Amino acid sequence: MFKKEEGRFHVKSSEYFSNTQLTVLIDKETGVHYLHSWITSGGGGLTPLLDENGDVIINKNF
């Protein structure tokens, strides 16, 4: 009846260490790479990843 749609974000990598989870996400619509952090005691954040010149990392071929 309902088809399952794919999410907007692709998980490129995910690591967990010392009560912190770090995940690199790619926006499938824009190609922008994000770093998502989460601390198990509560709290987290999301920020675009930047290259060596301070520009947002974008993969237009994703």
PDB file of N, CA and C in Angstrom:
ATOM      1  N   MET A   1       0.825  -1.187   0.000  1.00  0.00           N
ATOM      2  CA  MET A   1       0.000   0.000   0.000  1.00  0.00           C
ATOM      3  C   MET A   1       0.869   1.250   0.000  1.00  0.00           C
ATOM      4  N   PHE A   2       1.768   1.361   0.967  1.00  0.00           N
ATOM      5  CA  PHE A   2       2.686   2.488   1.015  1.00  0.00           C
ATOM      6  C   PHE A   2       4.076   1.979   0.709  1.00  0.00           C
ATOM      7  N   LYS A   3       4.788   2.683  -0.141  1.00  0.00           N
ATOM      8  CA  LYS A   3       6.165   2.258  -0.389  1.00  0.00           C
ATOM      9  C   LYS A   3       7.097   3.021   0.537  1.00  0.00           C
ATOM     10  N   LYS A   4       8.139   2.346   0.967  1.00  0.00           N
ATOM     11  CA  LYS A   4       9.113   2.966   1.858  1.00  0.00           C
ATOM     12  C   LYS A   4      10.045   3.837   1.030  1.00  0.00           C
ATOM     13  N   GLU A   5      10.132   5.106   1.410  1.00  0.00           N
ATOM     14  CA  GLU A   5      11.019   6.022   0.708  1.00  0.00           C
ATOM     15  C   GLU A   5      12.383   6.035   1.369  1.00  0.00           C
ATOM     16  N   GLU A   6      13.402   6.190   0.546  1.00  0.00           N
ATOM     17  CA  GLU A   6      14.763   6.308   1.063  1.00  0.00           C
ATOM     18  C   GLU A   6      14.894   7.650   1.767  1.00  0.00           C
ATOM     19  N   GLY A   7      15.723   7.699   2.799  1.00  0.00           N
ATOM     20  CA  GLY A   7      15.959   8.941   3.516  1.00  0.00           C
ATOM     21  C   GLY A   7      16.795   9.915   2.704  1.00  0.00           C
ATOM     22  N   ARG A   8      16.814  11.141   3.150  1.00  0.00           N
ATOM     23  CA  ARG A   8      17.556  12.182   2.444  1.00  0.00           C
ATOM     24  C   ARG A   8      19.056  12.061   2.669  1.00  0.00           C
ATOM     25  N   PHE A   9      19.471  11.471   3.791  1.00  0.00           N
ATOM     26  CA  PHE A   9      20.884  11.430   4.144  1.00  0.00           C
ATOM     27  C   PHE A   9      21.466  10.028   4.019  1.00  0.00           C
ATOM     28  N   HIS A  10      22.705   9.984   3.547  1.00  0.00           N
ATOM     29  CA  HIS A  10      23.475   8.742   3.455  1.00  0.00           C
ATOM     30  C   HIS A  10      24.536   8.772   4.550  1.00  0.00           C
ATOM     31  N   VAL A  11      24.666   7.685   5.301  1.00  0.00           N
ATOM     32  CA  VAL A  11      25.699   7.594   6.336  1.00  0.00           C
ATOM     33  C   VAL A  11      26.983   7.119   5.669  1.00  0.00           C
ATOM     34  N   LYS A  12      27.964   8.027   5.581  1.00  0.00           N
ATOM     35  CA  LYS A  12      29.248   7.686   4.961  1.00  0.00           C
ATOM     36  C   LYS A  12      30.119   6.902   5.930  1.00  0.00           C
ATOM     37  N   SER A  13      30.140   7.314   7.193  1.00  0.00           N
ATOM     38  CA  SER A  13      30.911   6.597   8.212  1.00  0.00           C
ATOM     39  C   SER A  13      30.358   6.936   9.585  1.00  0.00           C
ATOM     40  N   SER A  14      30.640   6.056  10.537  1.00  0.00           N
ATOM     41  CA  SER A  14      30.199   6.273  11.906  1.00  0.00           C
ATOM     42  C   SER A  14      31.211   5.630  12.846  1.00  0.00           C
ATOM     43  N   GLU A  15      31.606   6.367  13.877  1.00  0.00           N
ATOM     44  CA  GLU A  15      32.569   5.872  14.856  1.00  0.00           C
ATOM     45  C   GLU A  15      32.060   6.185  16.257  1.00  0.00           C
ATOM     46  N   TYR A  16      32.411   5.310  17.183  1.00  0.00           N
ATOM     47  CA  TYR A  16      32.030   5.513  18.573  1.00  0.00           C
ATOM     48  C   TYR A  16      33.261   5.334  19.441  1.00  0.00           C
ATOM     49  N   PHE A  17      33.519   6.299  20.297  1.00  0.00           N
ATOM     50  CA  PHE A  17      34.629   6.188  21.231  1.00  0.00           C
ATOM     51  C   PHE A  17      34.366   7.077  22.429  1.00  0.00           C
ATOM     52  N   SER A  18      34.765   6.605  23.596  1.00  0.00           N
ATOM     53  CA  SER A  18      34.718   7.391  24.825  1.00  0.00           C
ATOM     54  C   SER A  18      33.405   8.159  24.987  1.00  0.00           C
ATOM     55  N   ASN A  19      32.286   7.504  24.944  1.00  0.00           N
ATOM     56  CA  ASN A  19      30.914   8.003  25.088  1.00  0.00           C
ATOM     57  C   ASN A  19      30.483   9.019  24.029  1.00  0.00           C
ATOM     58  N   THR A  20      31.188   9.083  22.911  1.00  0.00           N
ATOM     59  CA  THR A  20      30.847  10.018  21.834  1.00  0.00           C
ATOM     60  C   THR A  20      30.695   9.264  20.518  1.00  0.00           C
ATOM     61  N   GLN A  21      29.627   9.567  19.790  1.00  0.00           N
ATOM     62  CA  GLN A  21      29.438   8.995  18.462  1.00  0.00           C
ATOM     63  C   GLN A  21      29.622  10.101  17.432  1.00  0.00           C
ATOM     64  N   LEU A  22      30.456   9.841  16.430  1.00  0.00           N
ATOM     65  CA  LEU A  22      30.681  10.774  15.325  1.00  0.00           C
ATOM     66  C   LEU A  22      30.228  10.107  14.031  1.00  0.00           C
ATOM     67  N   THR A  23      29.395  10.808  13.275  1.00  0.00           N
ATOM     68  CA  THR A  23      28.864  10.266  12.036  1.00  0.00           C
ATOM     69  C   THR A  23      29.033  11.295  10.928  1.00  0.00           C
ATOM     70  N   VAL A  24      29.533  10.847   9.775  1.00  0.00           N
ATOM     71  CA  VAL A  24      29.610  11.710   8.598  1.00  0.00           C
ATOM     72  C   VAL A  24      28.412  11.372   7.721  1.00  0.00           C
ATOM     73  N   LEU A  25      27.609  12.393   7.439  1.00  0.00           N
ATOM     74  CA  LEU A  25      26.405  12.246   6.626  1.00  0.00           C
ATOM     75  C   LEU A  25      26.577  12.996   5.316  1.00  0.00           C
ATOM     76  N   ILE A  26      25.964  12.483   4.250  1.00  0.00           N
ATOM     77  CA  ILE A  26      25.940  13.191   2.973  1.00  0.00           C
ATOM     78  C   ILE A  26      24.484  13.445   2.611  1.00  0.00           C
ATOM     79  N   ASP A  27      24.160  14.699   2.340  1.00  0.00           N
ATOM     80  CA  ASP A  27      22.821  15.077   1.894  1.00  0.00           C
ATOM     81  C   ASP A  27      22.689  14.630   0.441  1.00  0.00           C
ATOM     82  N   LYS A  28      21.768  13.716   0.159  1.00  0.00           N
ATOM     83  CA  LYS A  28      21.613  13.171  -1.189  1.00  0.00           C
ATOM     84  C   LYS A  28      21.122  14.211  -2.192  1.00  0.00           C
ATOM     85  N   GLU A  29      20.468  15.262  -1.728  1.00  0.00           N
ATOM     86  CA  GLU A  29      19.946  16.286  -2.640  1.00  0.00           C
ATOM     87  C   GLU A  29      20.978  17.346  -2.985  1.00  0.00           C
ATOM     88  N   THR A  30      21.819  17.713  -2.017  1.00  0.00           N
ATOM     89  CA  THR A  30      22.776  18.803  -2.242  1.00  0.00           C
ATOM     90  C   THR A  30      24.217  18.334  -2.355  1.00  0.00           C
ATOM     91  N   GLY A  31      24.520  17.119  -1.862  1.00  0.00           N
ATOM     92  CA  GLY A  31      25.887  16.614  -1.869  1.00  0.00           C
ATOM     93  C   GLY A  31      26.744  17.146  -0.732  1.00  0.00           C
ATOM     94  N   VAL A  32      26.174  17.972   0.140  1.00  0.00           N
ATOM     95  CA  VAL A  32      26.923  18.557   1.255  1.00  0.00           C
ATOM     96  C   VAL A  32      27.213  17.478   2.303  1.00  0.00           C
ATOM     97  N   HIS A  33      28.460  17.472   2.806  1.00  0.00           N
ATOM     98  CA  HIS A  33      28.889  16.546   3.857  1.00  0.00           C
ATOM     99  C   HIS A  33      28.728  17.224   5.216  1.00  0.00           C
ATOM    100  N   TYR A  34      28.199  16.482   6.189  1.00  0.00           N
ATOM    101  CA  TYR A  34      27.999  16.996   7.544  1.00  0.00           C
ATOM    102  C   TYR A  34      28.665  16.076   8.559  1.00  0.00           C
ATOM    103  N   LEU A  35      29.098  16.660   9.664  1.00  0.00           N
ATOM    104  CA  LEU A  35      29.575  15.891  10.807  1.00  0.00           C
ATOM    105  C   LEU A  35      28.529  16.006  11.907  1.00  0.00           C
ATOM    106  N   HIS A  36      28.003  14.875  12.342  1.00  0.00           N
ATOM    107  CA  HIS A  36      27.031  14.825  13.431  1.00  0.00           C
ATOM    108  C   HIS A  36      27.718  14.207  14.636  1.00  0.00           C
ATOM    109  N   SER A  37      27.650  14.878  15.768  1.00  0.00           N
ATOM    110  CA  SER A  37      28.241  14.338  16.996  1.00  0.00           C
ATOM    111  C   SER A  37      27.143  14.150  18.033  1.00  0.00           C
ATOM    112  N   TRP A  38      27.305  13.099  18.825  1.00  0.00           N
ATOM    113  CA  TRP A  38      26.335  12.811  19.869  1.00  0.00           C
ATOM    114  C   TRP A  38      27.074  12.262  21.072  1.00  0.00           C
ATOM    115  N   ILE A  39      26.815  12.843  22.237  1.00  0.00           N
ATOM    116  CA  ILE A  39      27.411  12.392  23.486  1.00  0.00           C
ATOM    117  C   ILE A  39      26.335  11.646  24.257  1.00  0.00           C
ATOM    118  N   THR A  40      26.645  10.441  24.720  1.00  0.00           N
ATOM    119  CA  THR A  40      25.627   9.598  25.356  1.00  0.00           C
ATOM    120  C   THR A  40      25.021  10.212  26.610  1.00  0.00           C
ATOM    121  N   SER A  41      25.727  11.110  27.266  1.00  0.00           N
ATOM    122  CA  SER A  41      25.172  11.760  28.458  1.00  0.00           C
ATOM    123  C   SER A  41      24.186  12.867  28.096  1.00  0.00           C
ATOM    124  N   GLY A  42      24.007  13.107  26.808  1.00  0.00           N
ATOM    125  CA  GLY A  42      23.045  14.103  26.337  1.00  0.00           C
ATOM    126  C   GLY A  42      23.738  15.239  25.632  1.00  0.00           C
ATOM    127  N   GLY A  43      23.258  15.578  24.483  1.00  0.00           N
ATOM    128  CA  GLY A  43      23.822  16.686  23.727  1.00  0.00           C
ATOM    129  C   GLY A  43      24.437  16.215  22.430  1.00  0.00           C
ATOM    130  N   GLY A  44      24.547  17.136  21.513  1.00  0.00           N
ATOM    131  CA  GLY A  44      25.119  16.809  20.218  1.00  0.00           C
ATOM    132  C   GLY A  44      25.120  18.022  19.325  1.00  0.00           C
ATOM    133  N   GLY A  45      25.538  17.807  18.103  1.00  0.00           N
ATOM    134  CA  GLY A  45      25.578  18.915  17.163  1.00  0.00           C
ATOM    135  C   GLY A  45      25.704  18.426  15.738  1.00  0.00           C
ATOM    136  N   LEU A  46      25.498  19.336  14.812  1.00  0.00           N
ATOM    137  CA  LEU A  46      25.592  19.051  13.386  1.00  0.00           C
ATOM    138  C   LEU A  46      26.253  20.245  12.723  1.00  0.00           C
ATOM    139  N   THR A  47      27.273  19.996  11.912  1.00  0.00           N
ATOM    140  CA  THR A  47      27.972  21.075  11.226  1.00  0.00           C
ATOM    141  C   THR A  47      28.446  20.588   9.868  1.00  0.00           C
ATOM    142  N   PRO A  48      28.465  21.455   8.858  1.00  0.00           N
ATOM    143  CA  PRO A  48      29.008  21.031   7.567  1.00  0.00           C
ATOM    144  C   PRO A  48      30.521  20.830   7.677  1.00  0.00           C
ATOM    145  N   LEU A  49      31.035  19.853   6.938  1.00  0.00           N
ATOM    146  CA  LEU A  49      32.479  19.633   6.897  1.00  0.00           C
ATOM    147  C   LEU A  49      33.111  20.621   5.923  1.00  0.00           C
ATOM    148  N   LEU A  50      34.295  21.111   6.274  1.00  0.00           N
ATOM    149  CA  LEU A  50      35.005  22.087   5.453  1.00  0.00           C
ATOM    150  C   LEU A  50      36.300  21.491   4.927  1.00  0.00           C
ATOM    151  N   ASP A  51      36.718  21.952   3.743  1.00  0.00           N
ATOM    152  CA  ASP A  51      37.999  21.514   3.200  1.00  0.00           C
ATOM    153  C   ASP A  51      39.119  22.411   3.716  1.00  0.00           C
ATOM    154  N   GLU A  52      40.331  22.215   3.202  1.00  0.00           N
ATOM    155  CA  GLU A  52      41.494  22.960   3.689  1.00  0.00           C
ATOM    156  C   GLU A  52      41.406  24.463   3.427  1.00  0.00           C
ATOM    157  N   ASN A  53      40.515  24.887   2.515  1.00  0.00           N
ATOM    158  CA  ASN A  53      40.343  26.309   2.213  1.00  0.00           C
ATOM    159  C   ASN A  53      39.171  26.933   2.967  1.00  0.00           C
ATOM    160  N   GLY A  54      38.499  26.131   3.785  1.00  0.00           N
ATOM    161  CA  GLY A  54      37.356  26.636   4.538  1.00  0.00           C
ATOM    162  C   GLY A  54      36.048  26.577   3.772  1.00  0.00           C
ATOM    163  N   ASP A  55      36.052  25.908   2.624  1.00  0.00           N
ATOM    164  CA  ASP A  55      34.834  25.765   1.822  1.00  0.00           C
ATOM    165  C   ASP A  55      34.092  24.488   2.222  1.00  0.00           C
ATOM    166  N   VAL A  56      32.782  24.532   2.122  1.00  0.00           N
ATOM    167  CA  VAL A  56      31.959  23.363   2.437  1.00  0.00           C
ATOM    168  C   VAL A  56      32.283  22.244   1.447  1.00  0.00           C
ATOM    169  N   ILE A  57      32.438  21.015   1.975  1.00  0.00           N
ATOM    170  CA  ILE A  57      32.708  19.864   1.112  1.00  0.00           C
ATOM    171  C   ILE A  57      31.402  19.440   0.450  1.00  0.00           C
ATOM    172  N   ILE A  58      31.405  19.442  -0.882  1.00  0.00           N
ATOM    173  CA  ILE A  58      30.223  19.075  -1.663  1.00  0.00           C
ATOM    174  C   ILE A  58      30.635  18.030  -2.688  1.00  0.00           C
ATOM    175  N   ASN A  59      29.887  16.929  -2.727  1.00  0.00           N
ATOM    176  CA  ASN A  59      30.107  15.890  -3.724  1.00  0.00           C
ATOM    177  C   ASN A  59      28.923  15.939  -4.678  1.00  0.00           C
ATOM    178  N   LYS A  60      29.074  16.623  -5.800  1.00  0.00           N
ATOM    179  CA  LYS A  60      27.963  16.800  -6.742  1.00  0.00           C
ATOM    180  C   LYS A  60      27.642  15.520  -7.501  1.00  0.00           C
ATOM    181  N   ASN A  61      28.521  14.523  -7.422  1.00  0.00           N
ATOM    182  CA  ASN A  61      28.305  13.260  -8.127  1.00  0.00           C
ATOM    183  C   ASN A  61      27.643  12.209  -7.255  1.00  0.00           C
ATOM    184  N   PHE A  62      27.212  12.590  -6.061  1.00  0.00           N
ATOM    185  CA  PHE A  62      26.634  11.594  -5.166  1.00  0.00           C
ATOM    186  C   PHE A  62      25.273  11.172  -5.651  1.00  0.00           C
TER     187      PHE A  62
END
